[in-house]
Amino acid sequence: MPCSKDSSRTDSTGRAKAGSQRQIQTYVNERTHALNSAVAQSLSRYDLDEKDIHWVSPLAADTYSEYRDSEFLERVGLGLLTPRLLESWPQRGPCWDALARIEGGCLLIEAKSHVKEIYGGGCGATSPRSKQKIQKAFYATKAWLGVSRDVDWMGPLYQSANRYASLYFLREIAGVQAFLVNVYFVGDPITPTTTREDWDAAIGRVSQELGLVGEVPYSASVFLTAE
């Protein structure tokens, strides 16, 4: 099943009314070339060709649905990895704002229109077993990125942290050609409008708070003008 939707934020077709959800829907479905070009350019060091990017969500023909867990793997053609994902991460993992197939793997997209969207209430897992599984995945991801085990990834930046853990799983455990792209929309008309300078400052703070000591491999940031 797709990720659940907040009916107060979408219309009967699944189209979001505002915010980063609406913006990424617009780019995936109506400004595909601009999105592909920006993503490919941001990952140019990996020789990704924009013609090889094929979006599988959120598609208008699929009621703009978003996917997580085994469903996201199925959408990007990696359904055989479901048992390994379940070993590495509990159910109700990241719900991806957009997904694309590429040769040998996939693109994972996290989209934001405002700085406050980066921060959340922290890990909501209540089962000790689930928490243990998450912490184990985080320790492995931190080691991969050179981050101290003591840095808190279970708090307000949990969402950013679990996206990096997903990238680690696909790249280092599953051996998949996967990339994580953070899409930041500039000038979303919903106030307060976020500028490129706002994003640059916020991204620097987040990297410091996550304990990142350099660029995260196989990831990139893309800045797009809100429609």
Protein backbone atom coordinates (compact mmCIF):
# COMPACT_ATOMS: atom_id res chain seq x y z
CA MET A 1 0.00 0.00 0.00
CA PRO A 2 1.16 3.59 -0.63
CA CYS A 3 2.01 5.93 2.24
CA SER A 4 -1.06 7.32 3.98
CA LYS A 5 -2.22 10.79 2.93
CA ASP A 6 -3.45 13.73 4.95
CA SER A 7 -6.78 14.46 3.27
CA SER A 8 -6.71 18.03 4.55
CA ARG A 9 -3.60 18.67 2.45
CA THR A 10 -4.69 16.99 -0.80
CA ASP A 11 -7.63 17.09 -3.17
CA SER A 12 -9.67 14.14 -4.47
CA THR A 13 -7.01 13.31 -7.09
CA GLY A 14 -4.24 13.14 -4.49
CA ARG A 15 -2.79 16.48 -5.63
CA ALA A 16 -1.24 18.38 -2.75
CA LYS A 17 -2.58 21.85 -2.13
CA ALA A 18 0.71 23.48 -1.11
CA GLY A 19 4.24 23.04 0.16
CA SER A 20 7.07 20.76 -0.86
CA GLN A 21 4.65 17.91 -1.58
CA ARG A 22 2.90 19.98 -4.26
CA GLN A 23 6.19 21.30 -5.62
CA ILE A 24 7.76 17.88 -6.14
CA GLN A 25 4.52 16.63 -7.72
CA THR A 26 4.70 19.54 -10.18
CA TYR A 27 8.31 18.88 -11.12
CA VAL A 28 7.92 15.11 -11.48
CA ASN A 29 4.82 15.34 -13.65
CA GLU A 30 4.99 18.72 -15.42
CA ARG A 31 8.59 19.91 -15.32
CA THR A 32 10.28 16.56 -15.75
CA HIS A 33 13.05 17.78 -18.01
CA ALA A 34 14.04 20.57 -15.63
CA LEU A 35 14.06 18.14 -12.70
CA ASN A 36 16.04 15.49 -14.57
CA SER A 37 18.58 18.04 -15.74
CA ALA A 38 19.09 19.45 -12.25
CA VAL A 39 19.42 16.01 -10.65
CA ALA A 40 21.82 14.72 -13.30
CA GLN A 41 23.96 17.85 -12.98
CA SER A 42 24.10 17.52 -9.20
CA LEU A 43 25.35 13.93 -9.62
CA SER A 44 27.59 14.63 -12.62
CA ARG A 45 30.63 13.16 -10.88
CA TYR A 46 28.87 9.80 -11.06
CA ASP A 47 28.12 10.08 -14.81
CA LEU A 48 24.36 9.85 -14.39
CA ASP A 49 22.61 10.62 -17.68
CA GLU A 50 19.34 12.51 -17.34
CA LYS A 51 17.82 10.35 -20.09
CA ASP A 52 18.21 7.34 -17.78
CA ILE A 53 15.98 8.84 -15.06
CA HIS A 54 12.46 7.38 -15.04
CA TRP A 55 10.11 8.63 -12.32
CA VAL A 56 7.81 6.10 -10.68
CA SER A 57 6.32 8.34 -7.97
CA PRO A 58 4.52 10.59 -7.25
CA LEU A 59 2.71 10.16 -10.58
CA ALA A 60 -0.56 11.87 -11.46
CA ALA A 61 -1.78 8.62 -13.03
CA ASP A 62 -1.20 6.91 -9.68
CA THR A 63 -3.02 9.56 -7.59
CA TYR A 64 0.37 11.10 -6.72
CA SER A 65 1.08 8.19 -4.38
CA GLU A 66 4.28 7.97 -2.34
CA TYR A 67 5.87 4.70 -1.20
CA ARG A 68 7.89 3.12 1.61
CA ASP A 69 9.25 -0.28 2.70
CA SER A 70 8.67 -3.17 0.27
CA GLU A 71 6.38 -1.02 -1.90
CA PHE A 72 9.16 1.46 -2.66
CA LEU A 73 11.50 -1.38 -3.58
CA GLU A 74 8.86 -2.84 -5.90
CA ARG A 75 8.34 0.51 -7.61
CA VAL A 76 12.03 0.91 -8.43
CA GLY A 77 12.38 -2.70 -9.57
CA LEU A 78 14.22 -3.96 -6.49
CA GLY A 79 11.51 -6.04 -4.87
CA LEU A 80 13.88 -8.98 -4.35
CA LEU A 81 15.64 -6.91 -1.69
CA THR A 82 12.57 -6.84 0.59
CA PRO A 83 13.74 -9.65 2.95
CA ARG A 84 17.13 -7.98 3.40
CA LEU A 85 15.49 -4.61 4.08
CA LEU A 86 13.28 -6.17 6.76
CA GLU A 87 16.40 -7.59 8.39
CA SER A 88 18.00 -4.14 8.47
CA TRP A 89 15.10 -1.85 9.32
CA PRO A 90 11.66 -2.17 10.97
CA GLN A 91 8.38 -1.60 9.17
CA ARG A 92 7.22 1.97 8.49
CA GLY A 93 10.56 3.17 7.22
CA PRO A 94 11.08 6.38 5.23
CA CYS A 95 8.19 7.48 3.02
CA TRP A 96 9.88 8.83 -0.11
CA ASP A 97 8.74 12.12 -1.62
CA ALA A 98 9.75 10.90 -5.08
CA LEU A 99 11.36 7.81 -6.59
CA ALA A 100 12.97 7.10 -9.94
CA ARG A 101 14.45 4.09 -11.63
CA ILE A 102 17.90 4.35 -13.15
CA GLU A 103 20.08 1.70 -14.75
CA GLY A 104 21.06 -0.75 -12.02
CA GLY A 105 19.30 1.08 -9.22
CA CYS A 106 17.25 4.07 -8.12
CA LEU A 107 17.02 7.70 -7.03
CA LEU A 108 15.62 8.52 -3.59
CA ILE A 109 14.22 12.04 -3.24
CA GLU A 110 13.62 14.02 -0.07
CA ALA A 111 11.96 17.39 -0.76
CA LYS A 112 11.67 20.49 1.45
CA SER A 113 10.15 23.95 0.99
CA HIS A 114 10.96 25.40 4.41
CA VAL A 115 13.77 24.97 6.91
CA LYS A 116 11.40 23.94 9.69
CA GLU A 117 10.47 20.83 7.67
CA ILE A 118 13.93 19.41 8.32
CA TYR A 119 13.27 19.02 12.03
CA GLY A 120 10.75 16.66 13.61
CA GLY A 121 9.73 14.91 16.78
CA GLY A 122 12.39 12.23 16.61
CA CYS A 123 12.17 8.48 16.32
CA GLY A 124 8.64 7.25 17.04
CA ALA A 125 9.45 3.55 17.40
CA THR A 126 8.14 2.07 20.66
CA SER A 127 9.23 -1.55 20.34
CA PRO A 128 12.63 -2.26 21.95
CA ARG A 129 13.40 -4.62 19.08
CA SER A 130 12.64 -1.92 16.50
CA LYS A 131 14.74 0.64 18.36
CA GLN A 132 17.62 -1.82 18.57
CA LYS A 133 17.40 -2.49 14.83
CA ILE A 134 17.39 1.25 14.07
CA GLN A 135 20.36 1.93 16.33
CA LYS A 136 22.30 -0.92 14.74
CA ALA A 137 21.62 0.53 11.28
CA PHE A 138 22.62 3.98 12.49
CA TYR A 139 25.90 2.74 13.97
CA ALA A 140 26.80 1.09 10.67
CA THR A 141 25.84 4.21 8.71
CA LYS A 142 27.80 6.46 11.06
CA ALA A 143 30.89 4.28 10.67
CA TRP A 144 30.51 4.51 6.88
CA LEU A 145 30.32 8.31 7.06
CA GLY A 146 32.96 8.80 9.74
CA VAL A 147 30.45 10.07 12.30
CA SER A 148 30.93 9.48 16.01
CA ARG A 149 28.60 6.85 17.51
CA ASP A 150 27.74 9.37 20.23
CA VAL A 151 26.02 11.84 17.88
CA ASP A 152 22.25 11.80 18.42
CA TRP A 153 20.43 10.59 15.32
CA MET A 154 17.25 9.59 17.17
CA GLY A 155 16.15 13.16 17.94
CA PRO A 156 14.91 16.11 15.82
CA LEU A 157 17.07 15.15 12.82
CA TYR A 158 15.89 11.53 12.79
CA GLN A 159 14.31 11.92 9.35
CA SER A 160 17.57 13.08 7.75
CA ALA A 161 19.45 10.30 9.53
CA ASN A 162 17.17 7.50 8.39
CA ARG A 163 17.46 8.69 4.79
CA TYR A 164 21.24 8.27 5.03
CA ALA A 165 20.72 4.84 6.58
CA SER A 166 18.56 3.88 3.58
CA LEU A 167 21.32 5.01 1.23
CA TYR A 168 23.83 2.96 3.22
CA PHE A 169 21.59 -0.11 3.01
CA LEU A 170 21.16 0.11 -0.75
CA ARG A 171 24.79 0.95 -1.51
CA GLU A 172 26.81 -1.01 1.03
CA ILE A 173 24.57 -3.93 1.97
CA ALA A 174 22.57 -4.53 -1.21
CA GLY A 175 25.21 -3.30 -3.68
CA VAL A 176 22.69 -1.22 -5.63
CA GLN A 177 23.42 1.84 -7.79
CA ALA A 178 21.41 4.18 -5.55
CA PHE A 179 21.57 7.93 -4.99
CA LEU A 180 19.95 10.22 -2.42
CA VAL A 181 18.99 13.70 -3.60
CA ASN A 182 17.76 16.40 -1.25
CA VAL A 183 15.58 18.81 -3.23
CA TYR A 184 15.22 22.29 -1.72
CA PHE A 185 12.59 24.62 -3.16
CA VAL A 186 13.44 28.31 -3.23
CA GLY A 187 10.72 30.93 -3.00
CA ASP A 188 7.74 28.74 -2.14
CA PRO A 189 4.84 31.25 -1.97
CA ILE A 190 3.66 29.81 1.34
CA THR A 191 5.22 32.13 3.91
CA PRO A 192 7.84 32.42 5.18
CA THR A 193 9.54 32.25 1.80
CA THR A 194 12.85 30.38 1.91
CA THR A 195 15.80 31.84 0.02
CA ARG A 196 18.91 30.08 -1.26
CA GLU A 197 20.87 31.79 1.51
CA ASP A 198 18.44 30.39 4.09
CA TRP A 199 18.98 26.90 2.71
CA ASP A 200 22.75 27.18 2.62
CA ALA A 201 22.85 28.24 6.27
CA ALA A 202 20.41 25.54 7.35
CA ILE A 203 22.20 22.76 5.47
CA GLY A 204 25.45 23.74 7.14
CA ARG A 205 23.83 23.60 10.58
CA VAL A 206 22.21 20.23 9.89
CA SER A 207 25.46 18.70 8.68
CA GLN A 208 27.19 19.89 11.85
CA GLU A 209 24.41 18.59 14.10
CA LEU A 210 24.51 15.20 12.37
CA GLY A 211 28.28 15.05 12.86
CA LEU A 212 29.01 14.82 9.14
CA VAL A 213 32.68 15.49 8.43
CA GLY A 214 32.43 15.84 4.64
CA GLU A 215 30.17 15.21 1.67
CA VAL A 216 27.96 12.17 1.91
CA PRO A 217 28.88 9.84 -0.96
CA TYR A 218 26.25 9.11 -3.59
CA SER A 219 24.15 12.07 -2.47
CA ALA A 220 23.55 15.63 -3.65
CA SER A 221 21.53 18.78 -3.06
CA VAL A 222 19.34 20.34 -5.73
CA PHE A 223 17.81 23.81 -5.53
CA LEU A 224 14.70 24.46 -7.60
CA THR A 225 12.49 27.49 -7.96
CA ALA A 226 9.05 26.89 -6.52
CA GLU A 227 6.18 27.12 -9.00
